[in-house]
Amino acid sequence: MLSLIQAAGWPIWPLILCSVLALAFIGERALSLRRSRIFSPSLVNEAIGVSRDSVPGTEMVNRLAQHSALGQVLATGWRTITLNPRCTPQDVRNAMENAGREVTHQMERYLPAIATIASVAPLMGLLGTVIGMIDIFGSQAPAGALTAGNPAQLAHGISVALYNTAFGLMVAIPALICWRYFRAKVDGYVLELELATERFARHLERLCPGSGVGSSGAGR
């Protein structure tokens, strides 16, 4: 393997760096986008049950925020009501939407880098092949001679130059597959988070001091 890398020349080293970065980014996203760290179907029901009559204390809010990405968004709704005595349901929705954008940004972390590697790696491999073939043909006809030199040696040199293109494709194809997989996974999480957030926001409406729902309900 080392001999092939040496034979391919210096253009293969950027590809090796890209492969290492792609593996690191893919491994990090595979761990960070586990469902247990993003979304729990029962979490909304539990949060609604705990806050049925009032917003829980700070300890419970912090525990919810540390639970998962969905927990961060739900805890933002509780914090908004606690910190703003005159908040309205729209204020709570806006705060939770902003938290949802932040969570989405966290989930999309490194995905642009993976997509860039998937796009650039084949071009870097092609560049390495072109540079290798320029060197080969230049060495075969140093003085502008029309002869091609030793055909066997020429064929071997071309095959070595093509190592860069092959390695570039070997880096790009898995990176593209993983990027599409993570992209679809994030889109699915975003949809689930939006639905859960909307349901929790409707529950928090009657707890908002500025909504008037709780007072009217108490009067009856």
N, C-alpha and C. Protein backbone atom coordinates (compact mmCIF):
# COMPACT_ATOMS: atom_id res chain seq x y z
N MET A 1 0.83 -1.21 0.00
CA MET A 1 0.00 0.00 0.00
C MET A 1 0.87 1.26 0.00
N LEU A 2 1.92 1.24 0.82
CA LEU A 2 2.81 2.39 0.87
C LEU A 2 3.50 2.63 -0.46
N SER A 3 3.84 1.53 -1.15
CA SER A 3 4.50 1.68 -2.45
C SER A 3 3.57 2.31 -3.47
N LEU A 4 2.27 1.98 -3.40
CA LEU A 4 1.30 2.58 -4.32
C LEU A 4 1.16 4.09 -4.04
N ILE A 5 1.15 4.46 -2.76
CA ILE A 5 1.04 5.87 -2.41
C ILE A 5 2.26 6.63 -2.90
N GLN A 6 3.44 6.04 -2.73
CA GLN A 6 4.66 6.68 -3.20
C GLN A 6 4.68 6.80 -4.72
N ALA A 7 4.18 5.74 -5.40
CA ALA A 7 4.17 5.77 -6.86
C ALA A 7 3.18 6.79 -7.39
N ALA A 8 2.06 7.02 -6.68
CA ALA A 8 1.04 7.97 -7.15
C ALA A 8 1.53 9.40 -7.07
N GLY A 9 2.52 9.67 -6.26
CA GLY A 9 3.09 11.01 -6.18
C GLY A 9 2.41 11.89 -5.14
N TRP A 10 2.86 13.13 -5.08
CA TRP A 10 2.38 14.04 -4.04
C TRP A 10 0.90 14.38 -4.15
N PRO A 11 0.25 14.36 -5.35
CA PRO A 11 -1.18 14.72 -5.37
C PRO A 11 -2.08 13.79 -4.56
N ILE A 12 -1.59 12.61 -4.19
CA ILE A 12 -2.45 11.70 -3.44
C ILE A 12 -2.53 12.07 -1.97
N TRP A 13 -1.56 12.86 -1.49
CA TRP A 13 -1.57 13.21 -0.07
C TRP A 13 -2.76 14.08 0.32
N PRO A 14 -3.16 15.07 -0.47
CA PRO A 14 -4.40 15.78 -0.12
C PRO A 14 -5.62 14.86 -0.09
N LEU A 15 -5.63 13.85 -0.96
CA LEU A 15 -6.74 12.90 -0.93
C LEU A 15 -6.74 12.07 0.35
N ILE A 16 -5.56 11.71 0.80
CA ILE A 16 -5.47 10.97 2.06
C ILE A 16 -5.98 11.83 3.21
N LEU A 17 -5.61 13.12 3.20
CA LEU A 17 -6.12 14.03 4.22
C LEU A 17 -7.64 14.15 4.16
N CYS A 18 -8.18 14.22 2.94
CA CYS A 18 -9.64 14.27 2.79
C CYS A 18 -10.30 13.01 3.33
N SER A 19 -9.69 11.87 3.09
CA SER A 19 -10.27 10.61 3.58
C SER A 19 -10.28 10.57 5.10
N VAL A 20 -9.20 11.04 5.71
CA VAL A 20 -9.14 11.07 7.18
C VAL A 20 -10.20 12.01 7.74
N LEU A 21 -10.33 13.20 7.15
CA LEU A 21 -11.34 14.15 7.60
C LEU A 21 -12.75 13.60 7.40
N ALA A 22 -12.98 12.96 6.26
CA ALA A 22 -14.31 12.39 6.00
C ALA A 22 -14.66 11.33 7.03
N LEU A 23 -13.71 10.46 7.35
CA LEU A 23 -13.96 9.43 8.37
C LEU A 23 -14.26 10.06 9.72
N ALA A 24 -13.51 11.11 10.07
CA ALA A 24 -13.74 11.77 11.36
C ALA A 24 -15.12 12.43 11.41
N PHE A 25 -15.48 13.14 10.35
CA PHE A 25 -16.78 13.81 10.32
C PHE A 25 -17.92 12.80 10.32
N ILE A 26 -17.79 11.75 9.54
CA ILE A 26 -18.85 10.74 9.47
C ILE A 26 -19.02 10.03 10.80
N GLY A 27 -17.90 9.70 11.44
CA GLY A 27 -17.99 9.05 12.75
C GLY A 27 -18.63 9.95 13.79
N GLU A 28 -18.26 11.23 13.77
CA GLU A 28 -18.83 12.17 14.73
C GLU A 28 -20.33 12.35 14.52
N ARG A 29 -20.76 12.47 13.26
CA ARG A 29 -22.18 12.62 12.97
C ARG A 29 -22.97 11.35 13.30
N ALA A 30 -22.36 10.20 13.08
CA ALA A 30 -23.05 8.95 13.40
C ALA A 30 -23.34 8.85 14.89
N LEU A 31 -22.44 9.35 15.71
CA LEU A 31 -22.66 9.34 17.16
C LEU A 31 -23.63 10.45 17.58
N SER A 32 -23.47 11.64 17.01
CA SER A 32 -24.28 12.77 17.44
C SER A 32 -25.73 12.68 16.97
N LEU A 33 -25.98 12.01 15.86
CA LEU A 33 -27.33 11.93 15.32
C LEU A 33 -28.06 10.65 15.71
N ARG A 34 -27.59 10.02 16.77
CA ARG A 34 -28.35 8.88 17.29
C ARG A 34 -29.70 9.37 17.79
N ARG A 35 -30.72 8.56 17.61
CA ARG A 35 -32.08 8.98 17.95
C ARG A 35 -32.22 9.31 19.44
N SER A 36 -31.51 8.60 20.28
CA SER A 36 -31.62 8.84 21.71
C SER A 36 -31.11 10.22 22.10
N ARG A 37 -30.26 10.82 21.28
CA ARG A 37 -29.71 12.13 21.58
C ARG A 37 -30.52 13.27 20.93
N ILE A 38 -31.48 12.90 20.09
CA ILE A 38 -32.24 13.92 19.37
C ILE A 38 -33.71 13.93 19.78
N PHE A 39 -34.34 12.78 19.76
CA PHE A 39 -35.80 12.76 19.87
C PHE A 39 -36.24 11.54 20.67
N SER A 40 -37.17 11.77 21.58
CA SER A 40 -37.81 10.69 22.34
C SER A 40 -39.32 10.89 22.26
N PRO A 41 -40.06 9.94 21.69
CA PRO A 41 -41.50 10.13 21.50
C PRO A 41 -42.26 10.37 22.80
N SER A 42 -41.78 9.79 23.90
CA SER A 42 -42.50 9.93 25.17
C SER A 42 -42.15 11.20 25.93
N LEU A 43 -41.14 11.94 25.46
CA LEU A 43 -40.68 13.10 26.22
C LEU A 43 -41.74 14.20 26.29
N VAL A 44 -42.46 14.41 25.20
CA VAL A 44 -43.49 15.46 25.20
C VAL A 44 -44.59 15.13 26.21
N ASN A 45 -45.03 13.89 26.23
CA ASN A 45 -46.07 13.49 27.18
C ASN A 45 -45.60 13.66 28.62
N GLU A 46 -44.34 13.30 28.88
CA GLU A 46 -43.80 13.46 30.22
C GLU A 46 -43.72 14.93 30.62
N ALA A 47 -43.26 15.78 29.67
CA ALA A 47 -43.16 17.21 29.97
C ALA A 47 -44.53 17.83 30.20
N ILE A 48 -45.52 17.40 29.42
CA ILE A 48 -46.88 17.91 29.61
C ILE A 48 -47.43 17.48 30.97
N GLY A 49 -47.17 16.23 31.34
CA GLY A 49 -47.65 15.74 32.63
C GLY A 49 -47.02 16.47 33.81
N VAL A 50 -45.74 16.78 33.70
CA VAL A 50 -45.06 17.48 34.79
C VAL A 50 -45.55 18.92 34.93
N SER A 51 -45.84 19.54 33.79
CA SER A 51 -46.25 20.96 33.81
C SER A 51 -47.75 21.12 33.59
N ARG A 52 -48.53 20.20 34.08
CA ARG A 52 -49.96 20.27 33.84
C ARG A 52 -50.59 21.49 34.52
N ASP A 53 -50.11 21.83 35.71
CA ASP A 53 -50.69 22.95 36.46
C ASP A 53 -49.77 24.16 36.53
N SER A 54 -48.46 23.95 36.47
CA SER A 54 -47.52 25.06 36.57
C SER A 54 -46.18 24.63 35.99
N VAL A 55 -45.31 25.60 35.79
CA VAL A 55 -43.98 25.33 35.26
C VAL A 55 -43.11 24.75 36.37
N PRO A 56 -42.38 23.69 36.12
CA PRO A 56 -41.53 23.09 37.15
C PRO A 56 -40.39 24.01 37.55
N GLY A 57 -39.64 23.56 38.55
CA GLY A 57 -38.52 24.33 39.04
C GLY A 57 -37.31 24.28 38.12
N THR A 58 -36.27 25.02 38.53
CA THR A 58 -35.07 25.14 37.69
C THR A 58 -34.39 23.80 37.48
N GLU A 59 -34.35 22.97 38.50
CA GLU A 59 -33.67 21.68 38.38
C GLU A 59 -34.34 20.81 37.32
N MET A 60 -35.65 20.78 37.32
CA MET A 60 -36.36 19.98 36.33
C MET A 60 -36.17 20.56 34.93
N VAL A 61 -36.15 21.88 34.81
CA VAL A 61 -35.94 22.51 33.50
C VAL A 61 -34.55 22.17 32.96
N ASN A 62 -33.54 22.25 33.80
CA ASN A 62 -32.18 21.92 33.36
C ASN A 62 -32.05 20.45 33.00
N ARG A 63 -32.73 19.60 33.74
CA ARG A 63 -32.68 18.17 33.43
C ARG A 63 -33.32 17.89 32.08
N LEU A 64 -34.42 18.57 31.79
CA LEU A 64 -35.07 18.40 30.49
C LEU A 64 -34.17 18.90 29.36
N ALA A 65 -33.50 20.04 29.57
CA ALA A 65 -32.64 20.61 28.53
C ALA A 65 -31.46 19.71 28.22
N GLN A 66 -30.98 18.95 29.20
CA GLN A 66 -29.84 18.08 28.99
C GLN A 66 -30.23 16.71 28.46
N HIS A 67 -31.53 16.46 28.36
CA HIS A 67 -31.98 15.13 27.95
C HIS A 67 -31.67 14.85 26.48
N SER A 68 -32.03 15.77 25.60
CA SER A 68 -31.88 15.56 24.16
C SER A 68 -32.09 16.89 23.45
N ALA A 69 -32.00 16.86 22.12
CA ALA A 69 -32.25 18.07 21.34
C ALA A 69 -33.70 18.54 21.53
N LEU A 70 -34.63 17.60 21.53
CA LEU A 70 -36.02 17.96 21.78
C LEU A 70 -36.18 18.56 23.17
N GLY A 71 -35.47 18.02 24.14
CA GLY A 71 -35.53 18.56 25.49
C GLY A 71 -35.07 20.00 25.55
N GLN A 72 -34.06 20.37 24.77
CA GLN A 72 -33.60 21.76 24.74
C GLN A 72 -34.72 22.69 24.28
N VAL A 73 -35.46 22.27 23.27
CA VAL A 73 -36.53 23.11 22.73
C VAL A 73 -37.67 23.22 23.74
N LEU A 74 -38.07 22.10 24.35
CA LEU A 74 -39.16 22.14 25.32
C LEU A 74 -38.78 22.95 26.55
N ALA A 75 -37.55 22.80 27.01
CA ALA A 75 -37.10 23.54 28.19
C ALA A 75 -37.09 25.04 27.92
N THR A 76 -36.87 25.43 26.69
CA THR A 76 -36.92 26.86 26.34
C THR A 76 -38.30 27.44 26.58
N GLY A 77 -39.33 26.66 26.29
CA GLY A 77 -40.69 27.13 26.57
C GLY A 77 -40.92 27.35 28.05
N TRP A 78 -40.47 26.42 28.87
CA TRP A 78 -40.60 26.60 30.32
C TRP A 78 -39.82 27.83 30.80
N ARG A 79 -38.59 27.98 30.31
CA ARG A 79 -37.76 29.11 30.76
C ARG A 79 -38.38 30.45 30.38
N THR A 80 -38.98 30.50 29.21
CA THR A 80 -39.59 31.75 28.76
C THR A 80 -40.71 32.18 29.69
N ILE A 81 -41.53 31.22 30.09
CA ILE A 81 -42.63 31.55 31.01
C ILE A 81 -42.10 31.95 32.37
N THR A 82 -41.03 31.29 32.82
CA THR A 82 -40.47 31.59 34.15
C THR A 82 -39.79 32.95 34.18
N LEU A 83 -39.06 33.28 33.12
CA LEU A 83 -38.27 34.51 33.12
C LEU A 83 -39.07 35.74 32.73
N ASN A 84 -40.16 35.54 32.00
CA ASN A 84 -40.95 36.68 31.54
C ASN A 84 -42.36 36.59 32.13
N PRO A 85 -42.64 37.31 33.20
CA PRO A 85 -43.95 37.20 33.85
C PRO A 85 -45.12 37.65 32.97
N ARG A 86 -44.82 38.43 31.93
CA ARG A 86 -45.90 38.93 31.07
C ARG A 86 -45.85 38.34 29.67
N CYS A 87 -45.23 37.21 29.52
CA CYS A 87 -45.08 36.62 28.18
C CYS A 87 -46.43 36.17 27.64
N THR A 88 -46.55 36.20 26.34
CA THR A 88 -47.74 35.74 25.65
C THR A 88 -47.44 34.40 24.97
N PRO A 89 -48.47 33.68 24.53
CA PRO A 89 -48.21 32.45 23.80
C PRO A 89 -47.32 32.62 22.58
N GLN A 90 -47.43 33.79 21.93
CA GLN A 90 -46.57 34.04 20.76
C GLN A 90 -45.12 34.19 21.18
N ASP A 91 -44.88 34.79 22.34
CA ASP A 91 -43.51 34.90 22.85
C ASP A 91 -42.91 33.52 23.08
N VAL A 92 -43.71 32.64 23.64
CA VAL A 92 -43.23 31.27 23.89
C VAL A 92 -42.94 30.56 22.58
N ARG A 93 -43.82 30.71 21.61
CA ARG A 93 -43.59 30.07 20.31
C ARG A 93 -42.32 30.60 19.65
N ASN A 94 -42.14 31.91 19.71
CA ASN A 94 -40.95 32.50 19.09
C ASN A 94 -39.68 31.98 19.74
N ALA A 95 -39.69 31.89 21.07
CA ALA A 95 -38.51 31.39 21.77
C ALA A 95 -38.22 29.94 21.42
N MET A 96 -39.27 29.13 21.32
CA MET A 96 -39.08 27.72 20.99
C MET A 96 -38.65 27.56 19.53
N GLU A 97 -39.15 28.40 18.67
CA GLU A 97 -38.71 28.36 17.27
C GLU A 97 -37.24 28.71 17.14
N ASN A 98 -36.80 29.71 17.88
CA ASN A 98 -35.38 30.06 17.85
C ASN A 98 -34.52 28.93 18.39
N ALA A 99 -35.00 28.29 19.46
CA ALA A 99 -34.27 27.14 19.99
C ALA A 99 -34.24 26.01 18.97
N GLY A 100 -35.34 25.82 18.24
CA GLY A 100 -35.37 24.79 17.21
C GLY A 100 -34.39 25.06 16.09
N ARG A 101 -34.23 26.34 15.72
CA ARG A 101 -33.24 26.69 14.69
C ARG A 101 -31.83 26.38 15.17
N GLU A 102 -31.57 26.67 16.43
CA GLU A 102 -30.25 26.38 16.99
C GLU A 102 -29.98 24.88 17.01
N VAL A 103 -30.98 24.11 17.39
CA VAL A 103 -30.83 22.65 17.40
C VAL A 103 -30.62 22.11 15.99
N THR A 104 -31.35 22.65 15.04
CA THR A 104 -31.18 22.23 13.65
C THR A 104 -29.78 22.53 13.16
N HIS A 105 -29.27 23.70 13.52
CA HIS A 105 -27.89 24.05 13.14
C HIS A 105 -26.89 23.08 13.74
N GLN A 106 -27.12 22.66 14.97
CA GLN A 106 -26.24 21.69 15.61
C GLN A 106 -26.30 20.34 14.90
N MET A 107 -27.50 19.93 14.47
CA MET A 107 -27.63 18.65 13.78
C MET A 107 -26.96 18.68 12.41
N GLU A 108 -26.94 19.84 11.78
CA GLU A 108 -26.35 19.97 10.44
C GLU A 108 -24.84 20.21 10.48
N ARG A 109 -24.27 20.19 11.66
CA ARG A 109 -22.83 20.45 11.80
C ARG A 109 -22.02 19.41 11.03
N TYR A 110 -21.03 19.86 10.33
CA TYR A 110 -20.10 19.03 9.52
C TYR A 110 -20.73 18.46 8.25
N LEU A 111 -22.03 18.56 8.07
CA LEU A 111 -22.61 18.04 6.84
C LEU A 111 -22.11 18.79 5.61
N PRO A 112 -21.99 20.12 5.65
CA PRO A 112 -21.39 20.81 4.48
C PRO A 112 -19.96 20.35 4.20
N ALA A 113 -19.20 20.05 5.25
CA ALA A 113 -17.82 19.58 5.03
C ALA A 113 -17.81 18.23 4.34
N ILE A 114 -18.70 17.33 4.74
CA ILE A 114 -18.79 16.01 4.09
C ILE A 114 -19.19 16.17 2.64
N ALA A 115 -20.17 17.04 2.38
CA ALA A 115 -20.60 17.27 1.00
C ALA A 115 -19.48 17.87 0.17
N THR A 116 -18.69 18.76 0.76
CA THR A 116 -17.57 19.36 0.03
C THR A 116 -16.52 18.31 -0.33
N ILE A 117 -16.22 17.44 0.60
CA ILE A 117 -15.25 16.37 0.33
C ILE A 117 -15.77 15.46 -0.78
N ALA A 118 -17.05 15.13 -0.74
CA ALA A 118 -17.63 14.27 -1.78
C ALA A 118 -17.55 14.93 -3.15
N SER A 119 -17.62 16.25 -3.21
CA SER A 119 -17.56 16.95 -4.49
C SER A 119 -16.14 17.18 -4.98
N VAL A 120 -15.24 17.45 -4.04
CA VAL A 120 -13.89 17.84 -4.41
C VAL A 120 -12.97 16.65 -4.64
N ALA A 121 -13.19 15.55 -3.93
CA ALA A 121 -12.28 14.40 -4.02
C ALA A 121 -12.09 13.88 -5.45
N PRO A 122 -13.17 13.70 -6.25
CA PRO A 122 -12.94 13.24 -7.63
C PRO A 122 -12.12 14.23 -8.45
N LEU A 123 -12.34 15.52 -8.23
CA LEU A 123 -11.57 16.53 -8.97
C LEU A 123 -10.11 16.52 -8.56
N MET A 124 -9.85 16.31 -7.28
CA MET A 124 -8.47 16.22 -6.82
C MET A 124 -7.79 14.98 -7.40
N GLY A 125 -8.54 13.88 -7.47
CA GLY A 125 -7.99 12.67 -8.08
C GLY A 125 -7.69 12.86 -9.56
N LEU A 126 -8.60 13.54 -10.25
CA LEU A 126 -8.37 13.82 -11.67
C LEU A 126 -7.17 14.74 -11.86
N LEU A 127 -7.03 15.72 -10.99
CA LEU A 127 -5.87 16.61 -11.07
C LEU A 127 -4.57 15.83 -10.89
N GLY A 128 -4.56 14.91 -9.92
CA GLY A 128 -3.37 14.09 -9.71
C GLY A 128 -3.05 13.24 -10.91
N THR A 129 -4.08 12.70 -11.56
CA THR A 129 -3.85 11.89 -12.76
C THR A 129 -3.30 12.73 -13.90
N VAL A 130 -3.85 13.92 -14.09
CA VAL A 130 -3.36 14.80 -15.16
C VAL A 130 -1.90 15.18 -14.91
N ILE A 131 -1.57 15.53 -13.68
CA ILE A 131 -0.19 15.88 -13.36
C ILE A 131 0.73 14.69 -13.58
N GLY A 132 0.28 13.50 -13.19
CA GLY A 132 1.09 12.30 -13.40
C GLY A 132 1.32 12.01 -14.87
N MET A 133 0.29 12.17 -15.69
CA MET A 133 0.44 11.90 -17.11
C MET A 133 1.31 12.95 -17.80
N ILE A 134 1.23 14.19 -17.33
CA ILE A 134 2.13 15.22 -17.87
C ILE A 134 3.58 14.85 -17.60
N ASP A 135 3.85 14.40 -16.38
CA ASP A 135 5.21 13.98 -16.04
C ASP A 135 5.64 12.78 -16.88
N ILE A 136 4.71 11.84 -17.10
CA ILE A 136 5.05 10.63 -17.86
C ILE A 136 5.42 10.98 -19.30
N PHE A 137 4.54 11.73 -19.96
CA PHE A 137 4.81 12.07 -21.35
C PHE A 137 6.00 13.00 -21.48
N GLY A 138 6.21 13.84 -20.48
CA GLY A 138 7.38 14.70 -20.51
C GLY A 138 8.67 13.91 -20.40
N SER A 139 8.68 12.86 -19.58
CA SER A 139 9.88 12.04 -19.44
C SER A 139 10.08 11.11 -20.63
N GLN A 140 8.98 10.74 -21.32
CA GLN A 140 9.11 9.85 -22.47
C GLN A 140 9.67 10.60 -23.68
N ALA A 141 9.42 11.90 -23.78
CA ALA A 141 9.92 12.66 -24.93
C ALA A 141 10.57 13.94 -24.44
N PRO A 142 11.75 13.82 -23.86
CA PRO A 142 12.36 14.98 -23.22
C PRO A 142 12.79 16.07 -24.18
N ALA A 143 13.17 15.74 -25.38
CA ALA A 143 13.72 16.73 -26.31
C ALA A 143 12.78 17.01 -27.47
N GLY A 144 11.50 16.77 -27.26
CA GLY A 144 10.53 17.02 -28.32
C GLY A 144 10.53 15.91 -29.36
N ALA A 145 11.05 14.73 -29.01
CA ALA A 145 11.06 13.63 -29.95
C ALA A 145 9.64 13.13 -30.16
N LEU A 146 9.44 12.54 -31.34
CA LEU A 146 8.10 12.05 -31.67
C LEU A 146 7.87 10.63 -31.20
N THR A 147 8.88 9.96 -30.72
CA THR A 147 8.72 8.58 -30.27
C THR A 147 8.12 8.56 -28.88
N ALA A 148 7.44 7.50 -28.58
CA ALA A 148 6.77 7.36 -27.29
C ALA A 148 7.60 6.57 -26.30
N GLY A 149 8.81 6.18 -26.62
CA GLY A 149 9.63 5.43 -25.70
C GLY A 149 9.18 4.00 -25.58
N ASN A 150 9.41 3.43 -24.40
CA ASN A 150 9.04 2.04 -24.14
C ASN A 150 7.54 1.95 -23.88
N PRO A 151 6.77 1.22 -24.72
CA PRO A 151 5.31 1.15 -24.52
C PRO A 151 4.94 0.52 -23.18
N ALA A 152 5.68 -0.49 -22.76
CA ALA A 152 5.37 -1.13 -21.48
C ALA A 152 5.57 -0.17 -20.32
N GLN A 153 6.66 0.57 -20.38
CA GLN A 153 6.92 1.55 -19.34
C GLN A 153 5.88 2.67 -19.35
N LEU A 154 5.46 3.07 -20.56
CA LEU A 154 4.43 4.10 -20.68
C LEU A 154 3.10 3.63 -20.09
N ALA A 155 2.73 2.39 -20.41
CA ALA A 155 1.47 1.85 -19.89
C ALA A 155 1.51 1.76 -18.36
N HIS A 156 2.65 1.36 -17.82
CA HIS A 156 2.78 1.27 -16.37
C HIS A 156 2.67 2.66 -15.74
N GLY A 157 3.28 3.64 -16.36
CA GLY A 157 3.20 4.99 -15.83
C GLY A 157 1.78 5.53 -15.84
N ILE A 158 1.04 5.24 -16.90
CA ILE A 158 -0.35 5.70 -16.96
C ILE A 158 -1.19 5.03 -15.88
N SER A 159 -0.98 3.74 -15.68
CA SER A 159 -1.74 3.03 -14.64
C SER A 159 -1.46 3.60 -13.26
N VAL A 160 -0.17 3.96 -13.03
CA VAL A 160 0.17 4.57 -11.74
C VAL A 160 -0.51 5.92 -11.59
N ALA A 161 -0.54 6.70 -12.67
CA ALA A 161 -1.18 8.01 -12.61
C ALA A 161 -2.67 7.90 -12.33
N LEU A 162 -3.30 6.83 -12.80
CA LEU A 162 -4.73 6.65 -12.58
C LEU A 162 -5.07 6.28 -11.14
N TYR A 163 -4.05 5.95 -10.34
CA TYR A 163 -4.31 5.65 -8.93
C TYR A 163 -4.98 6.84 -8.25
N ASN A 164 -4.60 8.04 -8.63
CA ASN A 164 -5.18 9.23 -8.01
C ASN A 164 -6.68 9.33 -8.27
N THR A 165 -7.07 9.08 -9.53
CA THR A 165 -8.50 9.12 -9.85
C THR A 165 -9.27 8.04 -9.10
N ALA A 166 -8.71 6.83 -9.06
CA ALA A 166 -9.37 5.74 -8.35
C ALA A 166 -9.51 6.05 -6.86
N PHE A 167 -8.46 6.58 -6.27
CA PHE A 167 -8.52 6.88 -4.85
C PHE A 167 -9.50 8.03 -4.58
N GLY A 168 -9.54 9.00 -5.49
CA GLY A 168 -10.50 10.09 -5.33
C GLY A 168 -11.94 9.59 -5.35
N LEU A 169 -12.24 8.64 -6.23
CA LEU A 169 -13.59 8.06 -6.26
C LEU A 169 -13.87 7.23 -5.02
N MET A 170 -12.85 6.54 -4.52
CA MET A 170 -13.02 5.74 -3.31
C MET A 170 -13.33 6.62 -2.10
N VAL A 171 -12.84 7.84 -2.11
CA VAL A 171 -13.15 8.77 -1.03
C VAL A 171 -14.52 9.41 -1.25
N ALA A 172 -14.81 9.79 -2.48
CA ALA A 172 -16.02 10.57 -2.77
C ALA A 172 -17.30 9.75 -2.64
N ILE A 173 -17.29 8.52 -3.12
CA ILE A 173 -18.53 7.74 -3.14
C ILE A 173 -19.07 7.47 -1.73
N PRO A 174 -18.26 6.96 -0.79
CA PRO A 174 -18.80 6.79 0.57
C PRO A 174 -19.19 8.10 1.22
N ALA A 175 -18.41 9.16 0.96
CA ALA A 175 -18.75 10.46 1.55
C ALA A 175 -20.10 10.95 1.03
N LEU A 176 -20.36 10.78 -0.25
CA LEU A 176 -21.65 11.21 -0.82
C LEU A 176 -22.81 10.40 -0.25
N ILE A 177 -22.61 9.09 -0.12
CA ILE A 177 -23.66 8.23 0.44
C ILE A 177 -23.97 8.65 1.87
N CYS A 178 -22.93 8.85 2.68
CA CYS A 178 -23.14 9.23 4.07
C CYS A 178 -23.78 10.61 4.18
N TRP A 179 -23.38 11.53 3.31
CA TRP A 179 -23.98 12.86 3.36
C TRP A 179 -25.47 12.79 3.06
N ARG A 180 -25.85 12.04 2.05
CA ARG A 180 -27.28 11.91 1.73
C ARG A 180 -28.04 11.24 2.86
N TYR A 181 -27.42 10.25 3.48
CA TYR A 181 -28.07 9.55 4.60
C TYR A 181 -28.27 10.49 5.78
N PHE A 182 -27.24 11.22 6.16
CA PHE A 182 -27.36 12.15 7.28
C PHE A 182 -28.31 13.29 6.95
N ARG A 183 -28.30 13.76 5.70
CA ARG A 183 -29.19 14.84 5.30
C ARG A 183 -30.65 14.41 5.45
N ALA A 184 -30.97 13.21 4.99
CA ALA A 184 -32.34 12.71 5.13
C ALA A 184 -32.70 12.49 6.60
N LYS A 185 -31.73 12.04 7.39
CA LYS A 185 -31.98 11.82 8.81
C LYS A 185 -32.28 13.13 9.52
N VAL A 186 -31.51 14.15 9.23
CA VAL A 186 -31.74 15.46 9.85
C VAL A 186 -33.09 16.02 9.44
N ASP A 187 -33.45 15.90 8.17
CA ASP A 187 -34.75 16.39 7.71
C ASP A 187 -35.89 15.69 8.45
N GLY A 188 -35.76 14.38 8.67
CA GLY A 188 -36.78 13.66 9.42
C GLY A 188 -36.86 14.12 10.87
N TYR A 189 -35.71 14.34 11.48
CA TYR A 189 -35.71 14.84 12.86
C TYR A 189 -36.35 16.22 12.95
N VAL A 190 -36.05 17.08 11.99
CA VAL A 190 -36.60 18.44 12.01
C VAL A 190 -38.12 18.40 11.95
N LEU A 191 -38.66 17.53 11.11
CA LEU A 191 -40.12 17.41 11.01
C LEU A 191 -40.71 16.93 12.34
N GLU A 192 -40.09 15.93 12.95
CA GLU A 192 -40.60 15.43 14.22
C GLU A 192 -40.50 16.48 15.32
N LEU A 193 -39.41 17.24 15.32
CA LEU A 193 -39.25 18.29 16.31
C LEU A 193 -40.31 19.38 16.13
N GLU A 194 -40.61 19.73 14.90
CA GLU A 194 -41.63 20.76 14.66
C GLU A 194 -43.00 20.31 15.16
N LEU A 195 -43.35 19.06 14.89
CA LEU A 195 -44.66 18.57 15.35
C LEU A 195 -44.73 18.51 16.87
N ALA A 196 -43.65 18.03 17.50
CA ALA A 196 -43.63 17.95 18.96
C ALA A 196 -43.65 19.34 19.59
N THR A 197 -42.92 20.27 18.99
CA THR A 197 -42.88 21.63 19.52
C THR A 197 -44.24 22.31 19.42
N GLU A 198 -44.93 22.11 18.32
CA GLU A 198 -46.26 22.69 18.15
C GLU A 198 -47.23 22.15 19.20
N ARG A 199 -47.15 20.86 19.46
CA ARG A 199 -48.04 20.26 20.46
C ARG A 199 -47.73 20.82 21.85
N PHE A 200 -46.46 20.95 22.18
CA PHE A 200 -46.08 21.45 23.50
C PHE A 200 -46.42 22.93 23.63
N ALA A 201 -46.29 23.68 22.55
CA ALA A 201 -46.63 25.10 22.59
C ALA A 201 -48.12 25.30 22.87
N ARG A 202 -48.96 24.46 22.29
CA ARG A 202 -50.40 24.57 22.57
C ARG A 202 -50.69 24.27 24.04
N HIS A 203 -49.94 23.33 24.61
CA HIS A 203 -50.12 23.03 26.03
C HIS A 203 -49.70 24.20 26.91
N LEU A 204 -48.61 24.90 26.52
CA LEU A 204 -48.10 25.99 27.34
C LEU A 204 -48.93 27.26 27.24
N GLU A 205 -49.84 27.33 26.29
CA GLU A 205 -50.64 28.54 26.12
C GLU A 205 -51.40 28.90 27.39
N ARG A 206 -51.96 27.89 28.05
CA ARG A 206 -52.76 28.19 29.24
C ARG A 206 -51.91 28.51 30.46
N LEU A 207 -50.58 28.24 30.35
CA LEU A 207 -49.69 28.58 31.47
C LEU A 207 -49.08 29.96 31.32
N CYS A 208 -49.24 30.56 30.14
CA CYS A 208 -48.64 31.88 29.91
C CYS A 208 -49.41 32.94 30.70
N PRO A 209 -48.70 33.77 31.47
CA PRO A 209 -49.40 34.82 32.23
C PRO A 209 -50.16 35.80 31.34
N GLY A 210 -49.68 36.00 30.12
CA GLY A 210 -50.33 36.98 29.26
C GLY A 210 -51.42 36.41 28.38
N SER A 211 -51.76 35.15 28.55
CA SER A 211 -52.77 34.56 27.68
C SER A 211 -54.19 34.75 28.21
N GLY A 212 -54.32 34.78 29.54
CA GLY A 212 -55.65 34.92 30.12
C GLY A 212 -56.42 33.63 30.19
N VAL A 213 -55.83 32.53 29.68
CA VAL A 213 -56.57 31.26 29.68
C VAL A 213 -56.68 30.70 31.07
N GLY A 214 -55.53 30.76 31.79
CA GLY A 214 -55.55 30.18 33.14
C GLY A 214 -56.50 30.92 34.06
N SER A 215 -56.53 32.26 33.98
CA SER A 215 -57.41 33.03 34.87
C SER A 215 -58.86 32.80 34.55
N SER A 216 -59.21 32.73 33.27
CA SER A 216 -60.60 32.51 32.89
C SER A 216 -61.05 31.12 33.30
N GLY A 217 -60.12 30.17 33.17
CA GLY A 217 -60.47 28.81 33.58
C GLY A 217 -60.67 28.74 35.08
N ALA A 218 -59.86 29.50 35.85
CA ALA A 218 -60.00 29.47 37.31
C ALA A 218 -61.31 30.13 37.76
N GLY A 219 -61.75 31.16 36.98
CA GLY A 219 -62.97 31.84 37.36
C GLY A 219 -64.19 30.96 37.21
N ARG A 220 -64.13 30.07 36.23
CA ARG A 220 -65.28 29.17 36.09
C ARG A 220 -65.25 28.14 37.19
